[in-house]
Amino acid sequence: MVPVSKVTGENRRFLFLQGPHGPVIEHLNLPASFVILDRVVWGVNAILGKLDVSGPFRAMLLEYVADGPPATDLGAAEAAWRAGARS
């Protein structure tokens, strides 16, 4: 697994307004709710990067956004709970 600190460093370079992608970023027009959620996600990633943690973060993201299979024990427990709630 890739430590989060390696990913956030690359993303930090990508989102730097004075960097090569600055003009594109300046013209983005996002809904306020998305911006707030995005800041929370980036903040959590920054904390995880500082802690130099690793985990199945890609699988967890796919579980959340693409209805992927559970990536953790907690994800499996939630899937079982959801399956029981539907019946």
N, C-alpha and C. Protein backbone atom coordinates (compact mmCIF):
# COMPACT_ATOMS: atom_id res chain seq x y z
N MET A 1 0.83 -1.18 0.00
CA MET A 1 0.00 0.00 0.00
C MET A 1 0.88 1.25 0.00
N VAL A 2 0.38 2.29 -0.61
CA VAL A 2 1.11 3.55 -0.71
C VAL A 2 0.76 4.41 0.50
N PRO A 3 1.76 4.92 1.23
CA PRO A 3 1.45 5.82 2.33
C PRO A 3 0.74 7.07 1.83
N VAL A 4 -0.19 7.57 2.62
CA VAL A 4 -0.96 8.75 2.22
C VAL A 4 -0.05 9.95 1.99
N SER A 5 1.06 10.06 2.72
CA SER A 5 1.94 11.21 2.57
C SER A 5 2.49 11.31 1.15
N LYS A 6 2.69 10.20 0.48
CA LYS A 6 3.19 10.22 -0.89
C LYS A 6 2.12 10.77 -1.83
N VAL A 7 0.86 10.42 -1.58
CA VAL A 7 -0.22 10.87 -2.44
C VAL A 7 -0.50 12.35 -2.22
N THR A 8 -0.56 12.78 -0.98
CA THR A 8 -0.90 14.18 -0.71
C THR A 8 0.16 15.12 -1.24
N GLY A 9 1.42 14.72 -1.24
CA GLY A 9 2.47 15.57 -1.79
C GLY A 9 2.25 15.82 -3.26
N GLU A 10 1.89 14.80 -4.02
CA GLU A 10 1.62 14.95 -5.45
C GLU A 10 0.37 15.80 -5.67
N ASN A 11 -0.66 15.57 -4.87
CA ASN A 11 -1.88 16.36 -5.00
C ASN A 11 -1.64 17.81 -4.63
N ARG A 12 -0.80 18.05 -3.65
CA ARG A 12 -0.48 19.42 -3.25
C ARG A 12 0.16 20.16 -4.42
N ARG A 13 1.06 19.48 -5.15
CA ARG A 13 1.71 20.09 -6.30
C ARG A 13 0.69 20.38 -7.40
N PHE A 14 -0.27 19.47 -7.57
CA PHE A 14 -1.28 19.63 -8.61
C PHE A 14 -2.20 20.81 -8.31
N LEU A 15 -2.54 21.03 -7.04
CA LEU A 15 -3.50 22.07 -6.67
C LEU A 15 -2.86 23.42 -6.35
N PHE A 16 -1.57 23.54 -6.51
CA PHE A 16 -0.87 24.79 -6.23
C PHE A 16 -1.28 25.81 -7.28
N LEU A 17 -1.90 26.91 -6.87
CA LEU A 17 -2.44 27.88 -7.82
C LEU A 17 -1.37 28.54 -8.68
N GLN A 18 -0.15 28.64 -8.20
CA GLN A 18 0.90 29.24 -9.01
C GLN A 18 1.60 28.19 -9.88
N GLY A 19 1.16 26.95 -9.80
CA GLY A 19 1.76 25.87 -10.57
C GLY A 19 1.23 25.81 -11.99
N PRO A 20 1.57 24.76 -12.70
CA PRO A 20 1.18 24.64 -14.11
C PRO A 20 -0.33 24.51 -14.33
N HIS A 21 -1.08 24.08 -13.30
CA HIS A 21 -2.52 23.91 -13.44
C HIS A 21 -3.31 25.08 -12.84
N GLY A 22 -2.60 26.12 -12.42
CA GLY A 22 -3.25 27.26 -11.78
C GLY A 22 -4.37 27.90 -12.59
N PRO A 23 -4.17 28.18 -13.88
CA PRO A 23 -5.25 28.81 -14.66
C PRO A 23 -6.52 27.96 -14.71
N VAL A 24 -6.38 26.66 -14.79
CA VAL A 24 -7.56 25.79 -14.82
C VAL A 24 -8.27 25.83 -13.48
N ILE A 25 -7.51 25.74 -12.40
CA ILE A 25 -8.10 25.73 -11.06
C ILE A 25 -8.83 27.04 -10.78
N GLU A 26 -8.28 28.15 -11.24
CA GLU A 26 -8.90 29.45 -11.01
C GLU A 26 -10.26 29.57 -11.69
N HIS A 27 -10.49 28.84 -12.77
CA HIS A 27 -11.74 28.94 -13.51
C HIS A 27 -12.78 27.89 -13.09
N LEU A 28 -12.44 27.05 -12.14
CA LEU A 28 -13.42 26.07 -11.68
C LEU A 28 -14.53 26.77 -10.90
N ASN A 29 -15.73 26.35 -11.13
CA ASN A 29 -16.88 26.91 -10.43
C ASN A 29 -17.62 25.75 -9.78
N LEU A 30 -17.41 25.56 -8.49
CA LEU A 30 -18.00 24.42 -7.79
C LEU A 30 -19.08 24.88 -6.82
N PRO A 31 -20.11 24.05 -6.62
CA PRO A 31 -21.13 24.39 -5.62
C PRO A 31 -20.51 24.46 -4.22
N ALA A 32 -21.05 25.31 -3.39
CA ALA A 32 -20.50 25.52 -2.05
C ALA A 32 -20.46 24.23 -1.24
N SER A 33 -21.50 23.40 -1.36
CA SER A 33 -21.53 22.15 -0.59
C SER A 33 -20.38 21.23 -1.01
N PHE A 34 -20.05 21.24 -2.29
CA PHE A 34 -18.94 20.42 -2.76
C PHE A 34 -17.61 20.94 -2.23
N VAL A 35 -17.47 22.26 -2.21
CA VAL A 35 -16.22 22.85 -1.73
C VAL A 35 -16.01 22.51 -0.26
N ILE A 36 -17.05 22.59 0.54
CA ILE A 36 -16.94 22.28 1.96
C ILE A 36 -16.57 20.81 2.16
N LEU A 37 -17.26 19.92 1.47
CA LEU A 37 -16.95 18.50 1.57
C LEU A 37 -15.53 18.22 1.10
N ASP A 38 -15.13 18.86 0.01
CA ASP A 38 -13.79 18.67 -0.53
C ASP A 38 -12.73 19.13 0.47
N ARG A 39 -12.98 20.23 1.17
CA ARG A 39 -12.03 20.70 2.18
C ARG A 39 -11.90 19.71 3.33
N VAL A 40 -13.01 19.10 3.71
CA VAL A 40 -12.96 18.08 4.77
C VAL A 40 -12.11 16.90 4.31
N VAL A 41 -12.34 16.44 3.08
CA VAL A 41 -11.59 15.31 2.54
C VAL A 41 -10.10 15.65 2.49
N TRP A 42 -9.75 16.82 1.98
CA TRP A 42 -8.34 17.22 1.90
C TRP A 42 -7.74 17.37 3.30
N GLY A 43 -8.52 17.88 4.23
CA GLY A 43 -8.02 18.02 5.60
C GLY A 43 -7.71 16.68 6.24
N VAL A 44 -8.61 15.73 6.06
CA VAL A 44 -8.37 14.38 6.59
C VAL A 44 -7.15 13.77 5.93
N ASN A 45 -7.03 13.93 4.61
CA ASN A 45 -5.86 13.41 3.92
C ASN A 45 -4.57 14.05 4.42
N ALA A 46 -4.61 15.34 4.71
CA ALA A 46 -3.42 16.02 5.23
C ALA A 46 -3.03 15.46 6.59
N ILE A 47 -4.02 15.22 7.44
CA ILE A 47 -3.74 14.64 8.76
C ILE A 47 -3.16 13.25 8.62
N LEU A 48 -3.78 12.43 7.78
CA LEU A 48 -3.27 11.07 7.57
C LEU A 48 -1.87 11.10 6.98
N GLY A 49 -1.61 12.05 6.10
CA GLY A 49 -0.28 12.18 5.52
C GLY A 49 0.76 12.54 6.57
N LYS A 50 0.42 13.45 7.46
CA LYS A 50 1.35 13.82 8.54
C LYS A 50 1.63 12.66 9.47
N LEU A 51 0.62 11.82 9.67
CA LEU A 51 0.79 10.65 10.53
C LEU A 51 1.49 9.51 9.79
N ASP A 52 1.66 9.65 8.47
CA ASP A 52 2.31 8.64 7.62
C ASP A 52 1.64 7.28 7.76
N VAL A 53 0.30 7.30 7.72
CA VAL A 53 -0.45 6.05 7.85
C VAL A 53 -0.61 5.38 6.48
N SER A 54 -0.93 4.12 6.51
CA SER A 54 -1.23 3.41 5.27
C SER A 54 -2.46 2.55 5.52
N GLY A 55 -3.16 2.25 4.46
CA GLY A 55 -4.37 1.45 4.57
C GLY A 55 -4.97 1.23 3.21
N PRO A 56 -6.06 0.51 3.14
CA PRO A 56 -6.70 0.24 1.85
C PRO A 56 -7.58 1.42 1.39
N PHE A 57 -6.98 2.60 1.30
CA PHE A 57 -7.77 3.81 1.06
C PHE A 57 -8.44 3.82 -0.31
N ARG A 58 -7.78 3.30 -1.33
CA ARG A 58 -8.41 3.25 -2.66
C ARG A 58 -9.64 2.34 -2.62
N ALA A 59 -9.49 1.19 -2.00
CA ALA A 59 -10.61 0.25 -1.90
C ALA A 59 -11.74 0.87 -1.08
N MET A 60 -11.41 1.62 -0.04
CA MET A 60 -12.43 2.26 0.78
C MET A 60 -13.17 3.32 -0.03
N LEU A 61 -12.43 4.08 -0.85
CA LEU A 61 -13.07 5.09 -1.70
C LEU A 61 -14.00 4.42 -2.71
N LEU A 62 -13.53 3.34 -3.34
CA LEU A 62 -14.37 2.64 -4.30
C LEU A 62 -15.60 2.03 -3.63
N GLU A 63 -15.46 1.60 -2.40
CA GLU A 63 -16.61 1.09 -1.64
C GLU A 63 -17.65 2.20 -1.48
N TYR A 64 -17.18 3.40 -1.25
CA TYR A 64 -18.07 4.54 -0.99
C TYR A 64 -18.68 5.10 -2.27
N VAL A 65 -17.87 5.33 -3.30
CA VAL A 65 -18.37 6.03 -4.48
C VAL A 65 -18.83 5.11 -5.60
N ALA A 66 -18.38 3.85 -5.63
CA ALA A 66 -18.71 2.98 -6.76
C ALA A 66 -19.38 1.68 -6.31
N ASP A 67 -19.91 1.68 -5.08
CA ASP A 67 -20.58 0.50 -4.55
C ASP A 67 -19.68 -0.74 -4.63
N GLY A 68 -18.39 -0.53 -4.31
CA GLY A 68 -17.43 -1.62 -4.34
C GLY A 68 -17.60 -2.55 -3.15
N PRO A 69 -16.88 -3.65 -3.17
CA PRO A 69 -16.96 -4.60 -2.05
C PRO A 69 -16.36 -3.99 -0.78
N PRO A 70 -16.76 -4.48 0.38
CA PRO A 70 -16.20 -3.96 1.64
C PRO A 70 -14.68 -4.09 1.67
N ALA A 71 -14.03 -3.02 2.11
CA ALA A 71 -12.57 -3.00 2.16
C ALA A 71 -12.02 -3.27 3.55
N THR A 72 -12.88 -3.17 4.57
CA THR A 72 -12.46 -3.36 5.95
C THR A 72 -13.50 -4.18 6.69
N ASP A 73 -13.18 -4.58 7.90
CA ASP A 73 -14.15 -5.29 8.74
C ASP A 73 -15.38 -4.42 9.01
N LEU A 74 -15.14 -3.13 9.24
CA LEU A 74 -16.26 -2.22 9.48
C LEU A 74 -17.13 -2.11 8.24
N GLY A 75 -16.51 -2.06 7.06
CA GLY A 75 -17.27 -2.03 5.81
C GLY A 75 -18.11 -3.29 5.63
N ALA A 76 -17.54 -4.44 6.00
CA ALA A 76 -18.29 -5.70 5.90
C ALA A 76 -19.47 -5.70 6.87
N ALA A 77 -19.26 -5.17 8.08
CA ALA A 77 -20.35 -5.10 9.06
C ALA A 77 -21.45 -4.16 8.57
N GLU A 78 -21.06 -3.05 7.95
CA GLU A 78 -22.06 -2.13 7.42
C GLU A 78 -22.84 -2.78 6.28
N ALA A 79 -22.14 -3.50 5.39
CA ALA A 79 -22.81 -4.18 4.28
C ALA A 79 -23.82 -5.20 4.80
N ALA A 80 -23.45 -5.94 5.84
CA ALA A 80 -24.37 -6.92 6.43
C ALA A 80 -25.57 -6.22 7.05
N TRP A 81 -25.32 -5.11 7.71
CA TRP A 81 -26.41 -4.35 8.33
C TRP A 81 -27.36 -3.81 7.27
N ARG A 82 -26.78 -3.27 6.17
CA ARG A 82 -27.62 -2.75 5.09
C ARG A 82 -28.43 -3.86 4.44
N ALA A 83 -27.83 -5.02 4.26
CA ALA A 83 -28.53 -6.16 3.66
C ALA A 83 -29.70 -6.59 4.55
N GLY A 84 -29.50 -6.57 5.86
CA GLY A 84 -30.57 -6.92 6.80
C GLY A 84 -31.65 -5.88 6.84
N ALA A 85 -31.30 -4.61 6.66
CA ALA A 85 -32.28 -3.52 6.70
C ALA A 85 -33.18 -3.55 5.47
N ARG A 86 -32.69 -4.10 4.36
CA ARG A 86 -33.50 -4.14 3.12
C ARG A 86 -34.54 -5.25 3.15
N SER A 87 -34.28 -6.28 3.95
CA SER A 87 -35.22 -7.42 3.92
C SER A 87 -36.37 -7.23 4.89
